[in-house]
Protein backbone atom coordinates (compact mmCIF):
# COMPACT_ATOMS: atom_id res chain seq x y z
CA UNK A 1 180.66 113.43 101.14
CA UNK A 2 178.80 113.36 104.67
CA UNK A 3 175.60 111.50 105.15
CA UNK A 4 174.03 114.80 105.58
CA UNK A 5 175.49 115.92 102.25
CA UNK A 6 174.50 112.97 100.33
CA UNK A 7 170.82 113.49 101.52
CA UNK A 8 171.01 117.39 100.49
CA UNK A 9 172.22 115.90 97.10
CA UNK A 10 169.60 113.54 97.14
CA UNK A 11 167.00 116.32 97.56
CA UNK A 12 168.63 118.41 94.93
CA UNK A 13 168.52 115.67 92.31
CA UNK A 14 164.62 115.11 93.24
CA UNK A 15 164.05 118.64 92.63
CA UNK A 16 165.99 118.99 89.42
CA UNK A 17 164.21 115.67 88.39
CA UNK A 18 160.65 117.45 89.40
CA UNK A 19 161.57 120.42 87.00
CA UNK A 20 162.43 118.19 84.06
CA UNK A 21 158.79 116.66 84.57
CA UNK A 22 157.47 120.22 84.91
CA UNK A 23 159.00 121.18 81.62
CA UNK A 24 158.22 117.93 79.49
CA UNK A 25 154.64 117.12 80.83
CA UNK A 26 152.89 120.34 79.38
CA UNK A 27 154.17 119.43 75.73
CA UNK A 28 151.43 117.45 74.29
CA UNK A 29 149.15 116.87 71.39
CA UNK A 30 145.39 116.85 71.71
CA UNK A 31 143.90 113.59 70.24
CA UNK A 32 141.05 113.13 72.25
CA UNK A 33 140.08 113.39 75.75
CA UNK A 34 143.73 112.41 76.76
CA UNK A 35 146.55 113.99 74.77
CA UNK A 36 149.84 112.46 73.84
CA UNK A 37 152.44 114.21 76.32
CA UNK A 38 155.87 113.58 77.38
CA UNK A 39 154.86 113.08 80.84
CA UNK A 40 155.52 109.17 80.76
CA UNK A 41 158.41 109.84 79.22
CA UNK A 42 159.76 112.18 82.33
CA UNK A 43 157.93 110.01 84.85
CA UNK A 44 160.22 106.85 83.69
CA UNK A 45 163.16 108.85 83.61
CA UNK A 46 162.41 109.79 87.02
CA UNK A 47 161.87 106.07 88.06
CA UNK A 48 165.34 105.08 86.24
CA UNK A 49 167.73 107.75 87.66
CA UNK A 50 165.98 108.08 90.92
CA UNK A 51 164.66 104.83 91.98
CA UNK A 52 161.15 104.29 93.86
CA UNK A 53 161.59 106.90 96.62
CA UNK A 54 163.17 109.73 94.63
CA UNK A 55 160.74 109.19 91.62
CA UNK A 56 157.64 109.13 93.87
CA UNK A 57 159.06 112.49 95.68
CA UNK A 58 159.45 113.93 92.48
CA UNK A 59 156.21 112.72 91.07
CA UNK A 60 154.31 113.92 94.20
CA UNK A 61 155.61 117.27 93.95
CA UNK A 62 154.63 117.55 90.45
CA UNK A 63 151.33 116.54 91.18
CA UNK A 64 151.24 119.30 94.00
CA UNK A 65 152.16 121.90 91.93
CA UNK A 66 150.00 121.09 89.19
CA UNK A 67 147.04 120.72 91.96
CA UNK A 68 148.00 124.34 93.18
CA UNK A 69 147.46 125.68 89.70
CA UNK A 70 150.84 126.11 88.06
CA UNK A 71 150.51 124.95 84.28
CA UNK A 72 152.52 122.09 84.68
CA UNK A 73 149.95 119.21 83.10
CA UNK A 74 149.40 118.54 79.47
CA UNK A 75 148.64 121.38 77.36
CA UNK A 76 150.11 124.07 80.19
CA UNK A 77 146.83 123.38 82.37
CA UNK A 78 147.09 123.03 86.07
CA UNK A 79 144.30 123.12 89.00
CA UNK A 80 142.63 120.65 91.11
CA UNK A 81 139.91 120.31 88.46
CA UNK A 82 142.48 118.39 86.45
CA UNK A 83 143.31 116.00 89.01
CA UNK A 84 139.69 115.67 89.88
CA UNK A 85 138.38 115.50 86.41
CA UNK A 86 137.94 112.51 83.90
CA UNK A 87 141.72 112.15 83.03
CA UNK A 88 142.99 112.91 86.49
CA UNK A 89 143.22 109.12 87.70
CA UNK A 90 146.03 109.07 84.73
CA UNK A 91 147.76 111.73 86.20
CA UNK A 92 147.51 109.89 89.55
CA UNK A 93 148.54 106.87 88.03
CA UNK A 94 151.98 108.44 87.54
CA UNK A 95 152.81 107.65 91.04
CA UNK A 96 152.14 103.98 90.41
CA UNK A 97 154.57 104.37 87.19
CA UNK A 98 157.06 105.90 89.61
CA UNK A 99 156.51 103.20 92.30
CA UNK A 100 156.82 100.08 90.09
CA UNK A 101 159.22 101.12 87.38
CA UNK A 102 161.41 102.70 90.39
CA UNK A 103 161.51 99.67 92.25
CA UNK A 104 162.03 97.53 89.23
CA UNK A 105 165.13 99.86 88.03
CA UNK A 106 166.51 99.57 91.81
CA UNK A 107 165.89 95.71 92.31
CA UNK A 108 167.36 94.58 88.78
CA UNK A 109 170.52 97.18 89.22
CA UNK A 110 169.08 98.97 86.13
CA UNK A 111 169.32 96.10 83.77
CA UNK A 112 167.54 96.93 80.62
CA UNK A 113 165.08 94.08 80.29
CA UNK A 114 163.58 94.11 83.89
CA UNK A 115 163.72 97.70 84.25
CA UNK A 116 161.79 98.16 80.87
CA UNK A 117 159.36 95.37 82.20
CA UNK A 118 158.98 97.02 85.10
CA UNK A 119 158.42 100.44 83.51
CA UNK A 120 155.79 98.93 81.31
CA UNK A 121 154.01 97.29 84.20
CA UNK A 122 153.84 100.71 85.91
CA UNK A 123 152.58 102.50 82.83
CA UNK A 124 149.78 99.68 82.62
CA UNK A 125 148.85 100.22 86.03
CA UNK A 126 148.42 103.94 85.34
CA UNK A 127 146.48 102.87 82.58
CA UNK A 128 144.05 100.68 84.98
CA UNK A 129 144.10 103.54 87.49
CA UNK A 130 143.37 106.33 85.06
CA UNK A 131 140.58 104.16 83.00
CA UNK A 132 138.93 103.34 86.43
CA UNK A 133 138.65 106.75 87.19
CA UNK A 134 137.25 107.77 83.60
CA UNK A 135 134.60 105.45 83.67
CA UNK A 136 133.70 106.14 87.13
CA UNK A 137 133.50 110.04 86.01
CA UNK A 138 131.85 109.32 82.71
CA UNK A 139 129.76 106.28 82.88
CA UNK A 140 131.24 105.18 79.82
CA UNK A 141 131.55 101.77 78.18
CA UNK A 142 134.76 100.01 78.97
CA UNK A 143 135.64 99.79 75.27
CA UNK A 144 135.04 103.16 74.58
CA UNK A 145 137.13 104.54 77.50
CA UNK A 146 139.99 101.85 76.51
CA UNK A 147 139.73 103.17 72.89
CA UNK A 148 140.31 106.66 73.69
CA UNK A 149 142.55 106.68 76.77
CA UNK A 150 144.66 103.41 76.42
CA UNK A 151 144.72 102.03 72.95
CA UNK A 152 146.12 105.37 71.33
CA UNK A 153 149.18 105.50 73.65
CA UNK A 154 150.63 102.15 73.93
CA UNK A 155 153.30 102.55 71.10
CA UNK A 156 153.88 105.94 71.86
CA UNK A 157 154.40 105.01 75.65
CA UNK A 158 156.77 101.95 74.77
CA UNK A 159 158.84 104.47 72.84
CA UNK A 160 158.88 106.47 75.85
CA UNK A 161 160.18 103.72 78.00
CA UNK A 162 163.02 103.02 75.67
CA UNK A 163 164.11 106.50 75.34
CA UNK A 164 163.84 107.14 79.27
CA UNK A 165 166.31 104.01 79.72
CA UNK A 166 168.66 105.49 76.83
CA UNK A 167 168.79 108.70 78.50
CA UNK A 168 168.83 107.67 82.21
CA UNK A 169 171.67 105.19 81.67
CA UNK A 170 173.66 108.28 80.47
CA UNK A 171 172.64 110.82 83.31
CA UNK A 172 173.42 107.82 85.69
CA UNK A 173 176.84 106.81 84.24
CA UNK A 174 177.65 110.94 84.11
CA UNK A 175 176.86 110.90 87.82
CA UNK A 176 179.10 108.02 88.74
CA UNK A 177 181.93 109.79 86.41
CA UNK A 178 181.77 112.79 88.45
CA UNK A 179 181.95 110.95 91.56
CA UNK A 180 178.47 112.35 92.97
CA UNK A 181 176.35 109.84 94.96
CA UNK A 182 173.99 107.65 92.88
CA UNK A 183 171.13 106.50 94.76
CA UNK A 184 169.52 102.75 94.52
């Protein structure tokens, strides 16, 4: 495949992974101000499969679609008010998850433990960004914010990281077997 063809294929895979994010992220269970959704699973899957650059592209497109009003956020919502509202920092934090998790996946050659640690650090960075934004907008106490926005999600998100590595490894293996270019 030519260099131009490889770049085109890369963009196509980024588009497909954006679609996966747009399909999975709206699926959610409201449990408080921040719902349990499959967004972190999809972001981690992006980071694993695409690496840092591709995952950042995919997540950025997802956020832009949501900001434009396409109902791709949790609960099939969208709009700029979601990004600028109390839970918008968690959405923006997906970029940190893509960055840190994708970089860890790339640098470790997709080795399970370093990749899992990198994805967990990326999710933790998203928690920090989201909680800081939540505190800024609501004026809540830190322990309240953590109790409704972080603590209920830790076990779910660790499970999503594990599932993303299992699925991601299968997808990358299939790409390699098919002779298609695999990036990073």
